[in-house]
C-alpha cells in the first residue's frame, strides 16, 4: 500500500477557487481511478490556507495511472496558479 500526503498553500483570495477544483478532483478520482483506497481533502484547523490531499493507493502502479489521468493533469497546473508558495508532496510506504 502506498500513502501520499500533498500539502498545498493557497492564496487567501483564491481559496474558494481552489476548494472547487480540489473537490472536483476528489470526486473524479474516487469515481474513476482503480486502486484508489482513500482520497481526501483536508484543511488545517490553525491555517485554513494550508490544504492537504491525503491519499492511499493499492500500489505504485495505481498511483502512476492516477498521475496520468485527465482529471489529475487538468487540476494540478491550476492548483499551482492558486498557490502562495510551492507545495510539498510526501510518499510513504506502510510498514506496520
C-alpha atoms as a PDB file:
ATOM      1  CA  UNK A   1       0.000   0.000   0.000  1.00  0.00           C
ATOM      2  CA  UNK A   2       1.235   3.495  -0.893  1.00  0.00           C
ATOM      3  CA  UNK A   3       0.236   6.628   1.006  1.00  0.00           C
ATOM      4  CA  UNK A   4       0.715  10.155  -0.256  1.00  0.00           C
ATOM      5  CA  UNK A   5       0.414  13.484   1.525  1.00  0.00           C
ATOM      6  CA  UNK A   6       0.296  16.547  -0.739  1.00  0.00           C
ATOM      7  CA  UNK A   7       0.401  19.879   1.067  1.00  0.00           C
ATOM      8  CA  UNK A   8      -0.925  22.951  -0.728  1.00  0.00           C
ATOM      9  CA  UNK A   9      -0.541  26.544   0.439  1.00  0.00           C
ATOM     10  CA  UNK A  10      -3.210  28.716  -1.163  1.00  0.00           C
ATOM     11  CA  UNK A  11      -3.524  32.482  -1.598  1.00  0.00           C
ATOM     12  CA  UNK A  12      -6.376  33.885   0.515  1.00  0.00           C
ATOM     13  CA  UNK A  13      -8.111  35.411  -2.500  1.00  0.00           C
ATOM     14  CA  UNK A  14      -8.011  32.041  -4.324  1.00  0.00           C
ATOM     15  CA  UNK A  15      -9.239  29.735  -1.555  1.00  0.00           C
ATOM     16  CA  UNK A  16     -12.771  29.210  -2.888  1.00  0.00           C
ATOM     17  CA  UNK A  17     -11.479  28.563  -6.399  1.00  0.00           C
ATOM     18  CA  UNK A  18      -9.007  26.008  -5.058  1.00  0.00           C
ATOM     19  CA  UNK A  19     -11.700  24.287  -2.984  1.00  0.00           C
ATOM     20  CA  UNK A  20     -13.975  23.965  -6.012  1.00  0.00           C
ATOM     21  CA  UNK A  21     -11.213  22.445  -8.152  1.00  0.00           C
ATOM     22  CA  UNK A  22      -9.933  20.172  -5.389  1.00  0.00           C
ATOM     23  CA  UNK A  23     -13.385  18.841  -4.531  1.00  0.00           C
ATOM     24  CA  UNK A  24     -13.942  18.061  -8.201  1.00  0.00           C
ATOM     25  CA  UNK A  25     -10.601  16.217  -8.345  1.00  0.00           C
ATOM     26  CA  UNK A  26     -11.533  14.191  -5.253  1.00  0.00           C
ATOM     27  CA  UNK A  27     -14.889  13.246  -6.769  1.00  0.00           C
ATOM     28  CA  UNK A  28     -13.405  12.271 -10.158  1.00  0.00           C
ATOM     29  CA  UNK A  29     -10.593  10.288  -8.557  1.00  0.00           C
ATOM     30  CA  UNK A  30     -12.887   8.342  -6.252  1.00  0.00           C
ATOM     31  CA  UNK A  31     -15.248   7.552  -9.131  1.00  0.00           C
ATOM     32  CA  UNK A  32     -12.743   6.621 -11.832  1.00  0.00           C
ATOM     33  CA  UNK A  33      -9.295   5.659 -10.557  1.00  0.00           C
ATOM     34  CA  UNK A  34      -8.778   1.958  -9.939  1.00  0.00           C
ATOM     35  CA  UNK A  35      -6.663   1.181  -6.902  1.00  0.00           C
ATOM     36  CA  UNK A  36      -7.731   4.312  -5.032  1.00  0.00           C
ATOM     37  CA  UNK A  37      -8.409   3.352  -1.426  1.00  0.00           C
ATOM     38  CA  UNK A  38      -8.618   6.857   0.067  1.00  0.00           C
ATOM     39  CA  UNK A  39      -8.569  10.328  -1.451  1.00  0.00           C
ATOM     40  CA  UNK A  40      -9.432  13.156   0.924  1.00  0.00           C
ATOM     41  CA  UNK A  41      -9.140  16.916   1.025  1.00  0.00           C
ATOM     42  CA  UNK A  42      -8.182  18.233   4.472  1.00  0.00           C
ATOM     43  CA  UNK A  43      -7.924  21.779   5.807  1.00  0.00           C
ATOM     44  CA  UNK A  44      -5.531  22.746   8.597  1.00  0.00           C
ATOM     45  CA  UNK A  45      -7.536  23.870  11.647  1.00  0.00           C
ATOM     46  CA  UNK A  46      -4.929  26.513  12.531  1.00  0.00           C
ATOM     47  CA  UNK A  47      -4.189  27.674   8.984  1.00  0.00           C
ATOM     48  CA  UNK A  48      -7.179  27.476   6.622  1.00  0.00           C
ATOM     49  CA  UNK A  49      -4.932  28.317   3.654  1.00  0.00           C
ATOM     50  CA  UNK A  50      -2.994  25.071   4.174  1.00  0.00           C
ATOM     51  CA  UNK A  51      -4.884  22.284   2.431  1.00  0.00           C
ATOM     52  CA  UNK A  52      -3.744  18.698   2.163  1.00  0.00           C
ATOM     53  CA  UNK A  53      -4.672  15.825  -0.095  1.00  0.00           C
ATOM     54  CA  UNK A  54      -4.418  12.566   1.854  1.00  0.00           C
ATOM     55  CA  UNK A  55      -4.251   9.575  -0.458  1.00  0.00           C
ATOM     56  CA  UNK A  56      -3.992   5.791  -0.203  1.00  0.00           C
ATOM     57  CA  UNK A  57      -3.301   3.631  -3.221  1.00  0.00           C
ATOM     58  CA  UNK A  58      -3.219  -0.127  -3.666  1.00  0.00           C
ATOM     59  CA  UNK A  59       0.238   0.112  -5.241  1.00  0.00           C
ATOM     60  CA  UNK A  60       2.655   2.350  -7.116  1.00  0.00           C
ATOM     61  CA  UNK A  61       1.094   1.397 -10.459  1.00  0.00           C
ATOM     62  CA  UNK A  62      -2.346   2.681  -9.384  1.00  0.00           C
ATOM     63  CA  UNK A  63      -0.791   5.969  -8.241  1.00  0.00           C
ATOM     64  CA  UNK A  64       1.118   6.294 -11.524  1.00  0.00           C
ATOM     65  CA  UNK A  65      -2.085   5.798 -13.524  1.00  0.00           C
ATOM     66  CA  UNK A  66      -3.829   8.441 -11.421  1.00  0.00           C
ATOM     67  CA  UNK A  67      -0.988  10.867 -12.159  1.00  0.00           C
ATOM     68  CA  UNK A  68      -1.660  10.370 -15.866  1.00  0.00           C
ATOM     69  CA  UNK A  69      -5.447  10.731 -15.635  1.00  0.00           C
ATOM     70  CA  UNK A  70      -7.202  13.557 -17.444  1.00  0.00           C
ATOM     71  CA  UNK A  71      -8.708  14.958 -14.235  1.00  0.00           C
ATOM     72  CA  UNK A  72      -5.342  14.999 -12.427  1.00  0.00           C
ATOM     73  CA  UNK A  73      -3.479  16.569 -15.347  1.00  0.00           C
ATOM     74  CA  UNK A  74      -6.167  19.250 -15.626  1.00  0.00           C
ATOM     75  CA  UNK A  75      -6.201  20.135 -11.915  1.00  0.00           C
ATOM     76  CA  UNK A  76      -2.528  20.267 -10.964  1.00  0.00           C
ATOM     77  CA  UNK A  77      -1.479  23.181 -13.198  1.00  0.00           C
ATOM     78  CA  UNK A  78      -4.478  25.158 -11.963  1.00  0.00           C
ATOM     79  CA  UNK A  79      -3.514  24.450  -8.337  1.00  0.00           C
ATOM     80  CA  UNK A  80      -0.081  25.956  -8.991  1.00  0.00           C
ATOM     81  CA  UNK A  81      -1.686  29.202 -10.176  1.00  0.00           C
ATOM     82  CA  UNK A  82      -3.639  29.484  -6.908  1.00  0.00           C
ATOM     83  CA  UNK A  83      -0.722  28.778  -4.590  1.00  0.00           C
ATOM     84  CA  UNK A  84       1.016  31.247  -2.329  1.00  0.00           C
ATOM     85  CA  UNK A  85       4.125  29.051  -2.373  1.00  0.00           C
ATOM     86  CA  UNK A  86       5.307  25.737  -3.724  1.00  0.00           C
ATOM     87  CA  UNK A  87       3.545  22.760  -2.216  1.00  0.00           C
ATOM     88  CA  UNK A  88       5.148  19.633  -0.827  1.00  0.00           C
ATOM     89  CA  UNK A  89       4.437  16.019  -1.645  1.00  0.00           C
ATOM     90  CA  UNK A  90       5.487  13.122   0.564  1.00  0.00           C
ATOM     91  CA  UNK A  91       5.192   9.480  -0.463  1.00  0.00           C
ATOM     92  CA  UNK A  92       5.022   6.798   2.240  1.00  0.00           C
ATOM     93  CA  UNK A  93       5.101   3.039   2.274  1.00  0.00           C
ATOM     94  CA  UNK A  94       3.230   1.364   5.112  1.00  0.00           C
ATOM     95  CA  UNK A  95       5.499  -0.785   7.269  1.00  0.00           C
ATOM     96  CA  UNK A  96       3.199  -1.965  10.045  1.00  0.00           C
END
